[in-house]
Amino acid sequence: MKSHLLNSLFLLLLSTACSNSTNNTAGFDSVNASNLAAGSRQSEVDTSVNNIGNNRSQGEPAHAQLTGAQLIANSDCVACHKEAEASIGPSYKDIAQKYPSDTKSIDYIAGTIINGGKGVWGPTPMAPHSDISRADAREMARYILQIQ
């Protein structure tokens, strides 16, 4: 809260200094009210690196959607999986060889990403990722299944 107030005060002082300068033409203030308001809300912006994925509920344009590879790269999948070799979990290539690239497999793998799994690839369980949306998990599964 204190930094929020200091930020607002700084922007107000900056605004006053700009409006009183000799370079200001016709009373035009280079720091307008919308910039001041945006600056004072800066601390409210969510910059969490753990907030991954696509928020399709907000109607993002198609070009803003992340690909399966990007979603995987931005997640913790790489801690247990590699593309071509087994690690803690199976490689993406092994998963792609085990399952056909169809809707049923995409849904199954997406469910495993979200809910976790146990016993299919050995005794080490896969942790659930309940913060990943079904749409993003499906996109990740589609990507995995196309790996050769």
Protein backbone atom coordinates (compact mmCIF):
# COMPACT_ATOMS: atom_id res chain seq x y z
CA MET A 1 0.00 0.00 0.00
CA LYS A 2 2.84 2.36 0.91
CA SER A 3 4.60 1.83 -2.43
CA HIS A 4 1.25 2.33 -4.20
CA LEU A 5 0.83 5.72 -2.52
CA LEU A 6 4.44 6.72 -3.22
CA ASN A 7 4.02 5.74 -6.87
CA SER A 8 0.85 7.84 -7.14
CA LEU A 9 2.53 10.81 -5.45
CA PHE A 10 5.54 10.58 -7.77
CA LEU A 11 3.30 10.50 -10.85
CA LEU A 12 1.29 13.45 -9.55
CA LEU A 13 4.49 15.45 -9.01
CA LEU A 14 5.74 14.45 -12.44
CA SER A 15 2.43 15.52 -13.96
CA THR A 16 2.64 18.92 -12.24
CA ALA A 17 6.26 19.42 -13.33
CA CYS A 18 5.41 18.58 -16.94
CA SER A 19 2.42 20.93 -17.03
CA ASN A 20 4.54 23.79 -15.65
CA SER A 21 7.50 23.30 -18.01
CA THR A 22 8.34 25.78 -20.78
CA ASN A 23 8.26 22.99 -23.38
CA ASN A 24 4.58 22.37 -22.79
CA THR A 25 2.62 23.69 -25.76
CA ALA A 26 -0.95 25.00 -25.50
CA GLY A 27 -1.38 23.59 -22.01
CA PHE A 28 -0.94 19.99 -23.25
CA ASP A 29 0.03 17.77 -20.35
CA SER A 30 2.19 14.85 -21.46
CA VAL A 31 1.18 12.84 -18.38
CA ASN A 32 -2.57 12.65 -18.70
CA ALA A 33 -5.05 11.25 -16.21
CA SER A 34 -5.25 7.82 -17.86
CA ASN A 35 -1.47 7.39 -17.67
CA LEU A 36 -1.55 8.47 -14.03
CA ALA A 37 -4.32 5.99 -13.27
CA ALA A 38 -2.54 3.17 -15.11
CA GLY A 39 0.71 3.89 -13.32
CA SER A 40 -0.92 3.89 -9.92
CA ARG A 41 -2.44 0.45 -10.63
CA GLN A 42 0.85 -1.10 -11.75
CA SER A 43 1.20 -3.11 -8.56
CA GLU A 44 -2.14 -4.80 -9.30
CA VAL A 45 -0.85 -6.45 -12.49
CA ASP A 46 -0.39 -10.21 -12.12
CA THR A 47 3.11 -11.08 -13.22
CA SER A 48 3.14 -14.58 -11.75
CA VAL A 49 5.32 -16.92 -13.79
CA ASN A 50 3.22 -19.83 -12.56
CA ASN A 51 0.09 -18.50 -14.23
CA ILE A 52 0.61 -20.40 -17.47
CA GLY A 53 -1.69 -21.23 -20.30
CA ASN A 54 -4.42 -19.66 -22.32
CA ASN A 55 -7.44 -17.91 -20.91
CA ARG A 56 -9.87 -18.78 -23.65
CA SER A 57 -12.81 -17.45 -21.61
CA GLN A 58 -11.66 -13.90 -22.33
CA GLY A 59 -11.89 -14.34 -26.09
CA GLU A 60 -8.21 -14.08 -26.98
CA PRO A 61 -7.58 -13.95 -30.73
CA ALA A 62 -6.40 -17.22 -32.30
CA HIS A 63 -2.85 -15.93 -32.81
CA ALA A 64 -2.59 -15.31 -29.05
CA GLN A 65 -3.12 -19.00 -28.20
CA LEU A 66 -0.05 -20.87 -27.05
CA THR A 67 0.94 -24.04 -28.85
CA GLY A 68 1.32 -27.37 -27.07
CA ALA A 69 5.11 -27.03 -27.21
CA GLN A 70 4.95 -23.56 -25.64
CA LEU A 71 2.57 -24.72 -22.92
CA ILE A 72 4.89 -27.60 -22.05
CA ALA A 73 7.95 -25.35 -22.09
CA ASN A 74 6.21 -22.90 -19.72
CA SER A 75 5.18 -25.64 -17.29
CA ASP A 76 6.99 -28.00 -14.96
CA CYS A 77 6.63 -30.95 -17.38
CA VAL A 78 10.32 -30.72 -18.25
CA ALA A 79 11.23 -31.64 -14.67
CA CYS A 80 10.06 -35.22 -15.31
CA HIS A 81 9.80 -35.64 -19.10
CA LYS A 82 12.13 -35.25 -22.05
CA GLU A 83 11.30 -35.45 -25.71
CA ALA A 84 13.34 -38.48 -26.75
CA GLU A 85 14.56 -40.22 -23.61
CA ALA A 86 12.97 -41.49 -20.42
CA SER A 87 13.63 -39.49 -17.28
CA ILE A 88 11.56 -39.63 -14.10
CA GLY A 89 8.62 -40.14 -16.43
CA PRO A 90 8.34 -41.52 -19.96
CA SER A 91 9.64 -39.57 -22.95
CA TYR A 92 7.12 -37.78 -25.13
CA LYS A 93 8.27 -40.03 -27.98
CA ASP A 94 7.42 -43.18 -25.96
CA ILE A 95 3.99 -41.75 -25.14
CA ALA A 96 3.39 -40.95 -28.82
CA GLN A 97 4.36 -44.52 -29.80
CA LYS A 98 2.04 -46.06 -27.20
CA TYR A 99 -1.12 -44.12 -28.07
CA PRO A 100 -2.76 -43.40 -31.41
CA SER A 101 -3.22 -39.74 -32.30
CA ASP A 102 -6.99 -39.65 -31.93
CA THR A 103 -9.59 -37.83 -29.82
CA LYS A 104 -9.82 -40.66 -27.27
CA SER A 105 -6.05 -40.62 -26.63
CA ILE A 106 -5.93 -36.82 -26.54
CA ASP A 107 -8.69 -36.79 -23.92
CA TYR A 108 -7.00 -39.58 -21.91
CA ILE A 109 -3.60 -37.87 -21.86
CA ALA A 110 -5.19 -34.48 -21.08
CA GLY A 111 -6.98 -36.13 -18.13
CA THR A 112 -3.69 -37.60 -16.92
CA ILE A 113 -2.00 -34.19 -17.17
CA ILE A 114 -4.74 -32.60 -15.05
CA ASN A 115 -5.48 -35.45 -12.59
CA GLY A 116 -2.12 -37.19 -12.45
CA GLY A 117 -1.54 -40.88 -12.99
CA LYS A 118 -0.01 -44.00 -11.49
CA GLY A 119 1.12 -47.39 -12.66
CA VAL A 120 0.98 -47.01 -16.45
CA TRP A 121 4.69 -46.23 -16.86
CA GLY A 122 6.03 -47.80 -13.68
CA PRO A 123 5.81 -47.20 -9.94
CA THR A 124 6.51 -43.43 -9.98
CA PRO A 125 3.22 -41.52 -9.95
CA MET A 126 2.64 -38.44 -12.09
CA ALA A 127 1.65 -35.42 -10.04
CA PRO A 128 -1.68 -33.78 -10.89
CA HIS A 129 -1.69 -30.35 -12.54
CA SER A 130 -5.18 -29.16 -11.66
CA ASP A 131 -4.25 -25.55 -12.52
CA ILE A 132 -3.96 -26.45 -16.23
CA SER A 133 -7.22 -26.02 -18.16
CA ARG A 134 -8.70 -28.92 -20.12
CA ALA A 135 -8.21 -26.97 -23.37
CA ASP A 136 -4.52 -26.41 -22.63
CA ALA A 137 -4.01 -30.01 -21.52
CA ARG A 138 -5.59 -31.17 -24.80
CA GLU A 139 -3.26 -28.87 -26.74
CA MET A 140 -0.28 -30.35 -24.86
CA ALA A 141 -1.50 -33.90 -25.55
CA ARG A 142 -1.93 -33.12 -29.27
CA TYR A 143 1.65 -31.90 -29.40
CA ILE A 144 3.00 -34.98 -27.56
CA LEU A 145 1.15 -37.39 -29.86
CA GLN A 146 2.61 -35.85 -33.02
CA ILE A 147 6.22 -36.40 -31.88
CA GLN A 148 7.95 -39.07 -33.98
